Amino acid sequence: MNVHVKPPSPVTVTDPAEVSKLAALINGLPAFPAGAYSCPPDGGAALVLTFSGGKGGRSLAVATVSLEGCEGVGLVTGGKQQPGLGAPDGGRQVAAQAMKVAGLSWDLLDPA
């Protein structure tokens, strides 16, 4: 089943407390476990969190929270891909936590 959802418009979070909580959420994730997985199809749906040094500033880190497939979290810091994060099938939970911190109520994917 292929679910097509129009992505919401980007949102900028500037409140230092919210930014700190979002960073802590990503930094607190465990390493994605090594091994082979049989994952559901991945259509590329993701929540992307870009951390920058201020309005118009360069990107310091980008966390891509996968909402399909194995639902891991990819992290790029300083332009370098870091090892995967999160638990298999944990992407939607991480996205839900991030949206709660940011006060967003997006319906990213139909969980059917």
PDB file of N, CA and C in Angstrom:
ATOM      1  N   MET A   1       0.833  -1.162   0.000  1.00  0.00           N
ATOM      2  CA  MET A   1       0.000   0.000   0.000  1.00  0.00           C
ATOM      3  C   MET A   1       0.885   1.236   0.000  1.00  0.00           C
ATOM      4  N   ASN A   2       0.673   2.117  -0.929  1.00  0.00           N
ATOM      5  CA  ASN A   2       1.445   3.332  -1.030  1.00  0.00           C
ATOM      6  C   ASN A   2       0.597   4.492  -0.549  1.00  0.00           C
ATOM      7  N   VAL A   3       1.045   5.186   0.470  1.00  0.00           N
ATOM      8  CA  VAL A   3       0.302   6.306   1.017  1.00  0.00           C
ATOM      9  C   VAL A   3       0.990   7.586   0.558  1.00  0.00           C
ATOM     10  N   HIS A   4       0.246   8.459  -0.121  1.00  0.00           N
ATOM     11  CA  HIS A   4       0.794   9.731  -0.555  1.00  0.00           C
ATOM     12  C   HIS A   4       0.160  10.830   0.280  1.00  0.00           C
ATOM     13  N   VAL A   5       0.995  11.536   1.011  1.00  0.00           N
ATOM     14  CA  VAL A   5       0.534  12.608   1.861  1.00  0.00           C
ATOM     15  C   VAL A   5       1.295  13.864   1.453  1.00  0.00           C
ATOM     16  N   LYS A   6       0.580  14.958   1.233  1.00  0.00           N
ATOM     17  CA  LYS A   6       1.241  16.215   0.914  1.00  0.00           C
ATOM     18  C   LYS A   6       1.997  16.661   2.153  1.00  0.00           C
ATOM     19  N   PRO A   7       3.298  16.909   2.017  1.00  0.00           N
ATOM     20  CA  PRO A   7       4.061  17.313   3.195  1.00  0.00           C
ATOM     21  C   PRO A   7       3.636  18.688   3.687  1.00  0.00           C
ATOM     22  N   PRO A   8       3.678  18.881   5.006  1.00  0.00           N
ATOM     23  CA  PRO A   8       3.345  20.193   5.551  1.00  0.00           C
ATOM     24  C   PRO A   8       4.439  21.204   5.201  1.00  0.00           C
ATOM     25  N   SER A   9       4.113  22.458   5.281  1.00  0.00           N
ATOM     26  CA  SER A   9       5.095  23.511   5.042  1.00  0.00           C
ATOM     27  C   SER A   9       6.146  23.486   6.147  1.00  0.00           C
ATOM     28  N   PRO A  10       7.386  23.851   5.814  1.00  0.00           N
ATOM     29  CA  PRO A  10       8.435  23.886   6.845  1.00  0.00           C
ATOM     30  C   PRO A  10       8.083  24.853   7.969  1.00  0.00           C
ATOM     31  N   VAL A  11       8.560  24.532   9.148  1.00  0.00           N
ATOM     32  CA  VAL A  11       8.353  25.350  10.343  1.00  0.00           C
ATOM     33  C   VAL A  11       9.719  25.637  10.942  1.00  0.00           C
ATOM     34  N   THR A  12       9.917  26.849  11.409  1.00  0.00           N
ATOM     35  CA  THR A  12      11.164  27.207  12.084  1.00  0.00           C
ATOM     36  C   THR A  12      10.901  27.290  13.576  1.00  0.00           C
ATOM     37  N   VAL A  13      11.679  26.562  14.341  1.00  0.00           N
ATOM     38  CA  VAL A  13      11.579  26.583  15.800  1.00  0.00           C
ATOM     39  C   VAL A  13      12.769  27.384  16.313  1.00  0.00           C
ATOM     40  N   THR A  14      12.495  28.468  17.010  1.00  0.00           N
ATOM     41  CA  THR A  14      13.572  29.327  17.499  1.00  0.00           C
ATOM     42  C   THR A  14      13.659  29.402  19.020  1.00  0.00           C
ATOM     43  N   ASP A  15      12.626  28.942  19.715  1.00  0.00           N
ATOM     44  CA  ASP A  15      12.642  28.987  21.177  1.00  0.00           C
ATOM     45  C   ASP A  15      13.807  28.128  21.677  1.00  0.00           C
ATOM     46  N   PRO A  16      14.753  28.724  22.419  1.00  0.00           N
ATOM     47  CA  PRO A  16      15.923  27.960  22.866  1.00  0.00           C
ATOM     48  C   PRO A  16      15.573  26.695  23.649  1.00  0.00           C
ATOM     49  N   ALA A  17      14.524  26.727  24.452  1.00  0.00           N
ATOM     50  CA  ALA A  17      14.144  25.542  25.232  1.00  0.00           C
ATOM     51  C   ALA A  17      13.659  24.424  24.312  1.00  0.00           C
ATOM     52  N   GLU A  18      12.858  24.788  23.295  1.00  0.00           N
ATOM     53  CA  GLU A  18      12.372  23.776  22.352  1.00  0.00           C
ATOM     54  C   GLU A  18      13.515  23.216  21.518  1.00  0.00           C
ATOM     55  N   VAL A  19      14.421  24.081  21.067  1.00  0.00           N
ATOM     56  CA  VAL A  19      15.573  23.623  20.277  1.00  0.00           C
ATOM     57  C   VAL A  19      16.418  22.662  21.117  1.00  0.00           C
ATOM     58  N   SER A  20      16.636  23.013  22.382  1.00  0.00           N
ATOM     59  CA  SER A  20      17.418  22.135  23.270  1.00  0.00           C
ATOM     60  C   SER A  20      16.750  20.778  23.450  1.00  0.00           C
ATOM     61  N   LYS A  21      15.419  20.784  23.589  1.00  0.00           N
ATOM     62  CA  LYS A  21      14.694  19.519  23.750  1.00  0.00           C
ATOM     63  C   LYS A  21      14.778  18.680  22.476  1.00  0.00           C
ATOM     64  N   LEU A  22      14.676  19.324  21.316  1.00  0.00           N
ATOM     65  CA  LEU A  22      14.787  18.579  20.057  1.00  0.00           C
ATOM     66  C   LEU A  22      16.185  17.993  19.902  1.00  0.00           C
ATOM     67  N   ALA A  23      17.207  18.773  20.223  1.00  0.00           N
ATOM     68  CA  ALA A  23      18.580  18.273  20.144  1.00  0.00           C
ATOM     69  C   ALA A  23      18.789  17.117  21.114  1.00  0.00           C
ATOM     70  N   ALA A  24      18.252  17.249  22.326  1.00  0.00           N
ATOM     71  CA  ALA A  24      18.384  16.187  23.326  1.00  0.00           C
ATOM     72  C   ALA A  24      17.672  14.917  22.869  1.00  0.00           C
ATOM     73  N   LEU A  25      16.526  15.077  22.204  1.00  0.00           N
ATOM     74  CA  LEU A  25      15.791  13.920  21.688  1.00  0.00           C
ATOM     75  C   LEU A  25      16.665  13.132  20.715  1.00  0.00           C
ATOM     76  N   ILE A  26      17.270  13.826  19.775  1.00  0.00           N
ATOM     77  CA  ILE A  26      18.114  13.156  18.784  1.00  0.00           C
ATOM     78  C   ILE A  26      19.387  12.622  19.426  1.00  0.00           C
ATOM     79  N   ASN A  27      20.031  13.435  20.258  1.00  0.00           N
ATOM     80  CA  ASN A  27      21.278  13.003  20.916  1.00  0.00           C
ATOM     81  C   ASN A  27      21.064  11.837  21.868  1.00  0.00           C
ATOM     82  N   GLY A  28      19.847  11.677  22.369  1.00  0.00           N
ATOM     83  CA  GLY A  28      19.555  10.597  23.311  1.00  0.00           C
ATOM     84  C   GLY A  28      19.195   9.268  22.665  1.00  0.00           C
ATOM     85  N   LEU A  29      19.122   9.254  21.336  1.00  0.00           N
ATOM     86  CA  LEU A  29      18.763   8.001  20.660  1.00  0.00           C
ATOM     87  C   LEU A  29      19.922   7.013  20.690  1.00  0.00           C
ATOM     88  N   PRO A  30      19.615   5.742  20.845  1.00  0.00           N
ATOM     89  CA  PRO A  30      20.677   4.735  20.789  1.00  0.00           C
ATOM     90  C   PRO A  30      21.132   4.538  19.341  1.00  0.00           C
ATOM     91  N   ALA A  31      22.270   3.904  19.175  1.00  0.00           N
ATOM     92  CA  ALA A  31      22.731   3.544  17.832  1.00  0.00           C
ATOM     93  C   ALA A  31      21.741   2.539  17.237  1.00  0.00           C
ATOM     94  N   PHE A  32      21.476   2.668  15.934  1.00  0.00           N
ATOM     95  CA  PHE A  32      20.622   1.699  15.266  1.00  0.00           C
ATOM     96  C   PHE A  32      21.339   0.353  15.321  1.00  0.00           C
ATOM     97  N   PRO A  33      20.652  -0.709  15.743  1.00  0.00           N
ATOM     98  CA  PRO A  33      21.316  -2.001  15.911  1.00  0.00           C
ATOM     99  C   PRO A  33      21.875  -2.547  14.597  1.00  0.00           C
ATOM    100  N   ALA A  34      23.037  -3.144  14.703  1.00  0.00           N
ATOM    101  CA  ALA A  34      23.662  -3.784  13.541  1.00  0.00           C
ATOM    102  C   ALA A  34      22.874  -5.039  13.179  1.00  0.00           C
ATOM    103  N   GLY A  35      23.027  -5.477  11.964  1.00  0.00           N
ATOM    104  CA  GLY A  35      22.381  -6.715  11.544  1.00  0.00           C
ATOM    105  C   GLY A  35      21.514  -6.502  10.329  1.00  0.00           C
ATOM    106  N   ALA A  36      20.980  -7.596   9.848  1.00  0.00           N
ATOM    107  CA  ALA A  36      20.107  -7.566   8.673  1.00  0.00           C
ATOM    108  C   ALA A  36      18.656  -7.487   9.135  1.00  0.00           C
ATOM    109  N   TYR A  37      17.866  -6.693   8.425  1.00  0.00           N
ATOM    110  CA  TYR A  37      16.465  -6.521   8.765  1.00  0.00           C
ATOM    111  C   TYR A  37      15.606  -6.723   7.535  1.00  0.00           C
ATOM    112  N   SER A  38      14.450  -7.267   7.744  1.00  0.00           N
ATOM    113  CA  SER A  38      13.447  -7.362   6.691  1.00  0.00           C
ATOM    114  C   SER A  38      12.448  -6.249   6.973  1.00  0.00           C
ATOM    115  N   CYS A  39      12.613  -5.125   6.275  1.00  0.00           N
ATOM    116  CA  CYS A  39      11.807  -3.940   6.551  1.00  0.00           C
ATOM    117  C   CYS A  39      10.657  -3.836   5.563  1.00  0.00           C
ATOM    118  N   PRO A  40       9.572  -3.205   5.993  1.00  0.00           N
ATOM    119  CA  PRO A  40       8.480  -2.917   5.059  1.00  0.00           C
ATOM    120  C   PRO A  40       8.987  -1.966   3.971  1.00  0.00           C
ATOM    121  N   PRO A  41       8.229  -1.811   2.892  1.00  0.00           N
ATOM    122  CA  PRO A  41       8.655  -0.886   1.835  1.00  0.00           C
ATOM    123  C   PRO A  41       8.866   0.527   2.378  1.00  0.00           C
ATOM    124  N   ASP A  42       9.849   1.211   1.809  1.00  0.00           N
ATOM    125  CA  ASP A  42      10.175   2.566   2.233  1.00  0.00           C
ATOM    126  C   ASP A  42       9.980   3.510   1.063  1.00  0.00           C
ATOM    127  N   GLY A  43       8.965   4.358   1.153  1.00  0.00           N
ATOM    128  CA  GLY A  43       8.686   5.325   0.101  1.00  0.00           C
ATOM    129  C   GLY A  43       9.417   6.642   0.295  1.00  0.00           C
ATOM    130  N   GLY A  44      10.220   6.747   1.339  1.00  0.00           N
ATOM    131  CA  GLY A  44      11.018   7.942   1.557  1.00  0.00           C
ATOM    132  C   GLY A  44      10.379   8.999   2.440  1.00  0.00           C
ATOM    133  N   ALA A  45       9.206   8.731   3.012  1.00  0.00           N
ATOM    134  CA  ALA A  45       8.576   9.722   3.888  1.00  0.00           C
ATOM    135  C   ALA A  45       9.433   9.918   5.131  1.00  0.00           C
ATOM    136  N   ALA A  46       9.664  11.176   5.482  1.00  0.00           N
ATOM    137  CA  ALA A  46      10.527  11.462   6.619  1.00  0.00           C
ATOM    138  C   ALA A  46      10.205  12.831   7.205  1.00  0.00           C
ATOM    139  N   LEU A  47      10.539  12.988   8.465  1.00  0.00           N
ATOM    140  CA  LEU A  47      10.514  14.280   9.128  1.00  0.00           C
ATOM    141  C   LEU A  47      11.968  14.718   9.206  1.00  0.00           C
ATOM    142  N   VAL A  48      12.280  15.894   8.669  1.00  0.00           N
ATOM    143  CA  VAL A  48      13.657  16.372   8.630  1.00  0.00           C
ATOM    144  C   VAL A  48      13.802  17.529   9.605  1.00  0.00           C
ATOM    145  N   LEU A  49      14.731  17.373  10.538  1.00  0.00           N
ATOM    146  CA  LEU A  49      15.033  18.417  11.513  1.00  0.00           C
ATOM    147  C   LEU A  49      16.392  19.005  11.152  1.00  0.00           C
ATOM    148  N   THR A  50      16.416  20.275  10.788  1.00  0.00           N
ATOM    149  CA  THR A  50      17.666  20.938  10.426  1.00  0.00           C
ATOM    150  C   THR A  50      18.019  21.925  11.531  1.00  0.00           C
ATOM    151  N   PHE A  51      19.192  21.742  12.112  1.00  0.00           N
ATOM    152  CA  PHE A  51      19.671  22.621  13.174  1.00  0.00           C
ATOM    153  C   PHE A  51      20.688  23.577  12.558  1.00  0.00           C
ATOM    154  N   SER A  52      20.420  24.874  12.690  1.00  0.00           N
ATOM    155  CA  SER A  52      21.330  25.856  12.102  1.00  0.00           C
ATOM    156  C   SER A  52      21.812  26.824  13.168  1.00  0.00           C
ATOM    157  N   GLY A  53      22.798  27.625  12.780  1.00  0.00           N
ATOM    158  CA  GLY A  53      23.384  28.586  13.705  1.00  0.00           C
ATOM    159  C   GLY A  53      22.634  29.904  13.747  1.00  0.00           C
ATOM    160  N   GLY A  54      21.376  29.916  13.379  1.00  0.00           N
ATOM    161  CA  GLY A  54      20.575  31.129  13.400  1.00  0.00           C
ATOM    162  C   GLY A  54      19.901  31.348  12.068  1.00  0.00           C
ATOM    163  N   LYS A  55      19.051  32.345  12.008  1.00  0.00           N
ATOM    164  CA  LYS A  55      18.294  32.629  10.788  1.00  0.00           C
ATOM    165  C   LYS A  55      19.262  32.844   9.624  1.00  0.00           C
ATOM    166  N   GLY A  56      19.104  32.031   8.598  1.00  0.00           N
ATOM    167  CA  GLY A  56      19.976  32.123   7.431  1.00  0.00           C
ATOM    168  C   GLY A  56      21.360  31.544   7.653  1.00  0.00           C
ATOM    169  N   GLY A  57      21.584  30.995   8.856  1.00  0.00           N
ATOM    170  CA  GLY A  57      22.894  30.426   9.171  1.00  0.00           C
ATOM    171  C   GLY A  57      23.088  29.070   8.524  1.00  0.00           C
ATOM    172  N   ARG A  58      24.322  28.629   8.501  1.00  0.00           N
ATOM    173  CA  ARG A  58      24.609  27.335   7.887  1.00  0.00           C
ATOM    174  C   ARG A  58      24.069  26.194   8.750  1.00  0.00           C
ATOM    175  N   SER A  59      23.823  25.100   8.105  1.00  0.00           N
ATOM    176  CA  SER A  59      23.311  23.919   8.793  1.00  0.00           C
ATOM    177  C   SER A  59      24.410  23.310   9.651  1.00  0.00           C
ATOM    178  N   LEU A  60      24.120  23.107  10.922  1.00  0.00           N
ATOM    179  CA  LEU A  60      25.066  22.464  11.832  1.00  0.00           C
ATOM    180  C   LEU A  60      24.839  20.958  11.881  1.00  0.00           C
ATOM    181  N   ALA A  61      23.559  20.565  11.801  1.00  0.00           N
ATOM    182  CA  ALA A  61      23.200  19.144  11.838  1.00  0.00           C
ATOM    183  C   ALA A  61      21.841  18.968  11.178  1.00  0.00           C
ATOM    184  N   VAL A  62      21.677  17.799  10.556  1.00  0.00           N
ATOM    185  CA  VAL A  62      20.389  17.448   9.947  1.00  0.00           C
ATOM    186  C   VAL A  62      20.043  16.035  10.398  1.00  0.00           C
ATOM    187  N   ALA A  63      18.896  15.904  11.055  1.00  0.00           N
ATOM    188  CA  ALA A  63      18.386  14.588  11.465  1.00  0.00           C
ATOM    189  C   ALA A  63      17.201  14.254  10.568  1.00  0.00           C
ATOM    190  N   THR A  64      17.277  13.107   9.903  1.00  0.00           N
ATOM    191  CA  THR A  64      16.199  12.657   9.031  1.00  0.00           C
ATOM    192  C   THR A  64      15.531  11.460   9.686  1.00  0.00           C
ATOM    193  N   VAL A  65      14.314  11.676  10.150  1.00  0.00           N
ATOM    194  CA  VAL A  65      13.563  10.639  10.866  1.00  0.00           C
ATOM    195  C   VAL A  65      12.678   9.924   9.852  1.00  0.00           C
ATOM    196  N   SER A  66      13.027   8.687   9.534  1.00  0.00           N
ATOM    197  CA  SER A  66      12.275   7.908   8.547  1.00  0.00           C
ATOM    198  C   SER A  66      10.940   7.464   9.136  1.00  0.00           C
ATOM    199  N   LEU A  67       9.885   7.634   8.339  1.00  0.00           N
ATOM    200  CA  LEU A  67       8.541   7.272   8.782  1.00  0.00           C
ATOM    201  C   LEU A  67       8.048   5.995   8.117  1.00  0.00           C
ATOM    202  N   GLU A  68       8.877   5.392   7.301  1.00  0.00           N
ATOM    203  CA  GLU A  68       8.528   4.154   6.597  1.00  0.00           C
ATOM    204  C   GLU A  68       9.734   3.217   6.650  1.00  0.00           C
ATOM    205  N   GLY A  69       9.578   2.046   6.117  1.00  0.00           N
ATOM    206  CA  GLY A  69      10.678   1.084   6.131  1.00  0.00           C
ATOM    207  C   GLY A  69      11.035   0.695   7.548  1.00  0.00           C
ATOM    208  N   CYS A  70      12.325   0.697   7.868  1.00  0.00           N
ATOM    209  CA  CYS A  70      12.771   0.347   9.218  1.00  0.00           C
ATOM    210  C   CYS A  70      12.684   1.511  10.189  1.00  0.00           C
ATOM    211  N   GLU A  71      12.350   2.710   9.697  1.00  0.00           N
ATOM    212  CA  GLU A  71      12.101   3.889  10.534  1.00  0.00           C
ATOM    213  C   GLU A  71      13.284   4.296  11.399  1.00  0.00           C
ATOM    214  N   GLY A  72      14.481   4.206  10.883  1.00  0.00           N
ATOM    215  CA  GLY A  72      15.651   4.687  11.610  1.00  0.00           C
ATOM    216  C   GLY A  72      15.793   6.188  11.486  1.00  0.00           C
ATOM    217  N   VAL A  73      16.815   6.726  12.126  1.00  0.00           N
ATOM    218  CA  VAL A  73      17.107   8.156  12.069  1.00  0.00           C
ATOM    219  C   VAL A  73      18.518   8.328  11.518  1.00  0.00           C
ATOM    220  N   GLY A  74      18.614   9.090  10.430  1.00  0.00           N
ATOM    221  CA  GLY A  74      19.918   9.419   9.873  1.00  0.00           C
ATOM    222  C   GLY A  74      20.363  10.763  10.420  1.00  0.00           C
ATOM    223  N   LEU A  75      21.650  10.914  10.643  1.00  0.00           N
ATOM    224  CA  LEU A  75      22.173  12.162  11.196  1.00  0.00           C
ATOM    225  C   LEU A  75      23.406  12.586  10.422  1.00  0.00           C
ATOM    226  N   VAL A  76      23.419  13.842   9.996  1.00  0.00           N
ATOM    227  CA  VAL A  76      24.579  14.432   9.344  1.00  0.00           C
ATOM    228  C   VAL A  76      25.015  15.606  10.209  1.00  0.00           C
ATOM    229  N   THR A  77      26.276  15.597  10.632  1.00  0.00           N
ATOM    230  CA  THR A  77      26.835  16.713  11.393  1.00  0.00           C
ATOM    231  C   THR A  77      28.125  17.153  10.709  1.00  0.00           C
ATOM    232  N   GLY A  78      28.309  18.450  10.605  1.00  0.00           N
ATOM    233  CA  GLY A  78      29.512  18.958   9.957  1.00  0.00           C
ATOM    234  C   GLY A  78      29.668  18.448   8.538  1.00  0.00           C
ATOM    235  N   GLY A  79      28.552  18.156   7.878  1.00  0.00           N
ATOM    236  CA  GLY A  79      28.593  17.653   6.506  1.00  0.00           C
ATOM    237  C   GLY A  79      28.934  16.178   6.387  1.00  0.00           C
ATOM    238  N   LYS A  80      29.068  15.484   7.499  1.00  0.00           N
ATOM    239  CA  LYS A  80      29.444  14.058   7.473  1.00  0.00           C
ATOM    240  C   LYS A  80      28.315  13.189   8.005  1.00  0.00           C
ATOM    241  N   GLN A  81      27.996  12.133   7.258  1.00  0.00           N
ATOM    242  CA  GLN A  81      26.989  11.168   7.686  1.00  0.00           C
ATOM    243  C   GLN A  81      27.488  10.430   8.917  1.00  0.00           C
ATOM    244  N   GLN A  82      26.651  10.379   9.941  1.00  0.00           N
ATOM    245  CA  GLN A  82      26.972   9.664  11.176  1.00  0.00           C
ATOM    246  C   GLN A  82      26.285   8.296  11.155  1.00  0.00           C
ATOM    247  N   PRO A  83      26.696   7.384  12.034  1.00  0.00           N
ATOM    248  CA  PRO A  83      26.005   6.091  12.104  1.00  0.00           C
ATOM    249  C   PRO A  83      24.515   6.282  12.403  1.00  0.00           C
ATOM    250  N   GLY A  84      23.697   5.359  11.925  1.00  0.00           N
ATOM    251  CA  GLY A  84      22.257   5.422  12.122  1.00  0.00           C
ATOM    252  C   GLY A  84      21.873   5.403  13.594  1.00  0.00           C
ATOM    253  N   LEU A  85      20.716   5.974  13.881  1.00  0.00           N
ATOM    254  CA  LEU A  85      20.230   6.066  15.253  1.00  0.00           C
ATOM    255  C   LEU A  85      18.825   5.485  15.367  1.00  0.00           C
ATOM    256  N   GLY A  86      18.412   5.231  16.599  1.00  0.00           N
ATOM    257  CA  GLY A  86      17.047   4.819  16.888  1.00  0.00           C
ATOM    258  C   GLY A  86      16.842   3.326  16.835  1.00  0.00           C
ATOM    259  N   ALA A  87      15.661   2.943  17.241  1.00  0.00           N
ATOM    260  CA  ALA A  87      15.269   1.539  17.232  1.00  0.00           C
ATOM    261  C   ALA A  87      14.540   1.224  15.933  1.00  0.00           C
ATOM    262  N   PRO A  88      14.677  -0.014  15.425  1.00  0.00           N
ATOM    263  CA  PRO A  88      13.872  -0.377  14.259  1.00  0.00           C
ATOM    264  C   PRO A  88      12.395  -0.134  14.572  1.00  0.00           C
ATOM    265  N   ASP A  89      11.696   0.406  13.628  1.00  0.00           N
ATOM    266  CA  ASP A  89      10.281   0.752  13.771  1.00  0.00           C
ATOM    267  C   ASP A  89      10.045   1.855  14.799  1.00  0.00           C
ATOM    268  N   GLY A  90      11.049   2.680  15.075  1.00  0.00           N
ATOM    269  CA  GLY A  90      10.897   3.729  16.071  1.00  0.00           C
ATOM    270  C   GLY A  90      10.755   5.132  15.505  1.00  0.00           C
ATOM    271  N   GLY A  91      10.828   5.284  14.181  1.00  0.00           N
ATOM    272  CA  GLY A  91      10.803   6.606  13.571  1.00  0.00           C
ATOM    273  C   GLY A  91       9.541   7.402  13.855  1.00  0.00           C
ATOM    274  N   ARG A  92       8.393   6.734  13.773  1.00  0.00           N
ATOM    275  CA  ARG A  92       7.137   7.457  14.020  1.00  0.00           C
ATOM    276  C   ARG A  92       7.063   7.960  15.460  1.00  0.00           C
ATOM    277  N   GLN A  93       7.581   7.176  16.383  1.00  0.00           N
ATOM    278  CA  GLN A  93       7.581   7.591  17.787  1.00  0.00           C
ATOM    279  C   GLN A  93       8.494   8.805  17.977  1.00  0.00           C
ATOM    280  N   VAL A  94       9.669   8.792  17.359  1.00  0.00           N
ATOM    281  CA  VAL A  94      10.587   9.928  17.453  1.00  0.00           C
ATOM    282  C   VAL A  94       9.946  11.165  16.821  1.00  0.00           C
ATOM    283  N   ALA A  95       9.318  10.990  15.654  1.00  0.00           N
ATOM    284  CA  ALA A  95       8.648  12.111  14.981  1.00  0.00           C
ATOM    285  C   ALA A  95       7.530  12.679  15.856  1.00  0.00           C
ATOM    286  N   ALA A  96       6.763  11.804  16.490  1.00  0.00           N
ATOM    287  CA  ALA A  96       5.672  12.258  17.355  1.00  0.00           C
ATOM    288  C   ALA A  96       6.221  13.064  18.532  1.00  0.00           C
ATOM    289  N   GLN A  97       7.323  12.615  19.110  1.00  0.00           N
ATOM    290  CA  GLN A  97       7.931  13.341  20.222  1.00  0.00           C
ATOM    291  C   GLN A  97       8.447  14.703  19.761  1.00  0.00           C
ATOM    292  N   ALA A  98       9.081  14.744  18.585  1.00  0.00           N
ATOM    293  CA  ALA A  98       9.605  16.005  18.059  1.00  0.00           C
ATOM    294  C   ALA A  98       8.468  16.979  17.779  1.00  0.00           C
ATOM    295  N   MET A  99       7.385  16.493  17.204  1.00  0.00           N
ATOM    296  CA  MET A  99       6.251  17.367  16.906  1.00  0.00           C
ATOM    297  C   MET A  99       5.603  17.885  18.192  1.00  0.00           C
ATOM    298  N   LYS A 100       5.559  17.058  19.227  1.00  0.00           N
ATOM    299  CA  LYS A 100       4.990  17.496  20.505  1.00  0.00           C
ATOM    300  C   LYS A 100       5.837  18.623  21.090  1.00  0.00           C
ATOM    301  N   VAL A 101       7.162  18.468  21.050  1.00  0.00           N
ATOM    302  CA  VAL A 101       8.055  19.510  21.554  1.00  0.00           C
ATOM    303  C   VAL A 101       7.825  20.820  20.805  1.00  0.00           C
ATOM    304  N   ALA A 102       7.659  20.719  19.491  1.00  0.00           N
ATOM    305  CA  ALA A 102       7.499  21.913  18.652  1.00  0.00           C
ATOM    306  C   ALA A 102       6.059  22.425  18.614  1.00  0.00           C
ATOM    307  N   GLY A 103       5.141  21.723  19.268  1.00  0.00           N
ATOM    308  CA  GLY A 103       3.748  22.149  19.292  1.00  0.00           C
ATOM    309  C   GLY A 103       3.033  21.966  17.960  1.00  0.00           C
ATOM    310  N   LEU A 104       3.427  20.946  17.206  1.00  0.00           N
ATOM    311  CA  LEU A 104       2.838  20.677  15.894  1.00  0.00           C
ATOM    312  C   LEU A 104       1.894  19.485  15.973  1.00  0.00           C
ATOM    313  N   SER A 105       0.859  19.509  15.167  1.00  0.00           N
ATOM    314  CA  SER A 105      -0.099  18.392  15.155  1.00  0.00           C
ATOM    315  C   SER A 105      -0.279  17.867  13.742  1.00  0.00           C
ATOM    316  N   TRP A 106       0.802  17.698  13.022  1.00  0.00           N
ATOM    317  CA  TRP A 106       0.739  17.181  11.659  1.00  0.00           C
ATOM    318  C   TRP A 106       0.325  15.721  11.645  1.00  0.00           C
ATOM    319  N   ASP A 107      -0.426  15.332  10.641  1.00  0.00           N
ATOM    320  CA  ASP A 107      -0.745  13.934  10.390  1.00  0.00           C
ATOM    321  C   ASP A 107       0.181  13.496   9.271  1.00  0.00           C
ATOM    322  N   LEU A 108       1.350  12.973   9.651  1.00  0.00           N
ATOM    323  CA  LEU A 108       2.380  12.683   8.647  1.00  0.00           C
ATOM    324  C   LEU A 108       2.066  11.468   7.783  1.00  0.00           C
ATOM    325  N   LEU A 109       1.525  10.432   8.377  1.00  0.00           N
ATOM    326  CA  LEU A 109       1.200   9.217   7.633  1.00  0.00           C
ATOM    327  C   LEU A 109       0.003   8.540   8.258  1.00  0.00           C
ATOM    328  N   ASP A 110      -0.804   7.975   7.433  1.00  0.00           N
ATOM    329  CA  ASP A 110      -1.918   7.142   7.901  1.00  0.00           C
ATOM    330  C   ASP A 110      -1.302   5.843   8.399  1.00  0.00           C
ATOM    331  N   PRO A 111      -1.445   5.520   9.677  1.00  0.00           N
ATOM    332  CA  PRO A 111      -0.807   4.321  10.220  1.00  0.00           C
ATOM    333  C   PRO A 111      -1.419   3.011   9.746  1.00  0.00           C
ATOM    334  N   ALA A 112      -2.348   3.052   8.783  1.00  0.00           N
ATOM    335  CA  ALA A 112      -2.966   1.837   8.272  1.00  0.00           C
ATOM    336  C   ALA A 112      -1.908   0.964   7.722  1.00  0.00           C
TER     337      ALA A 112
END
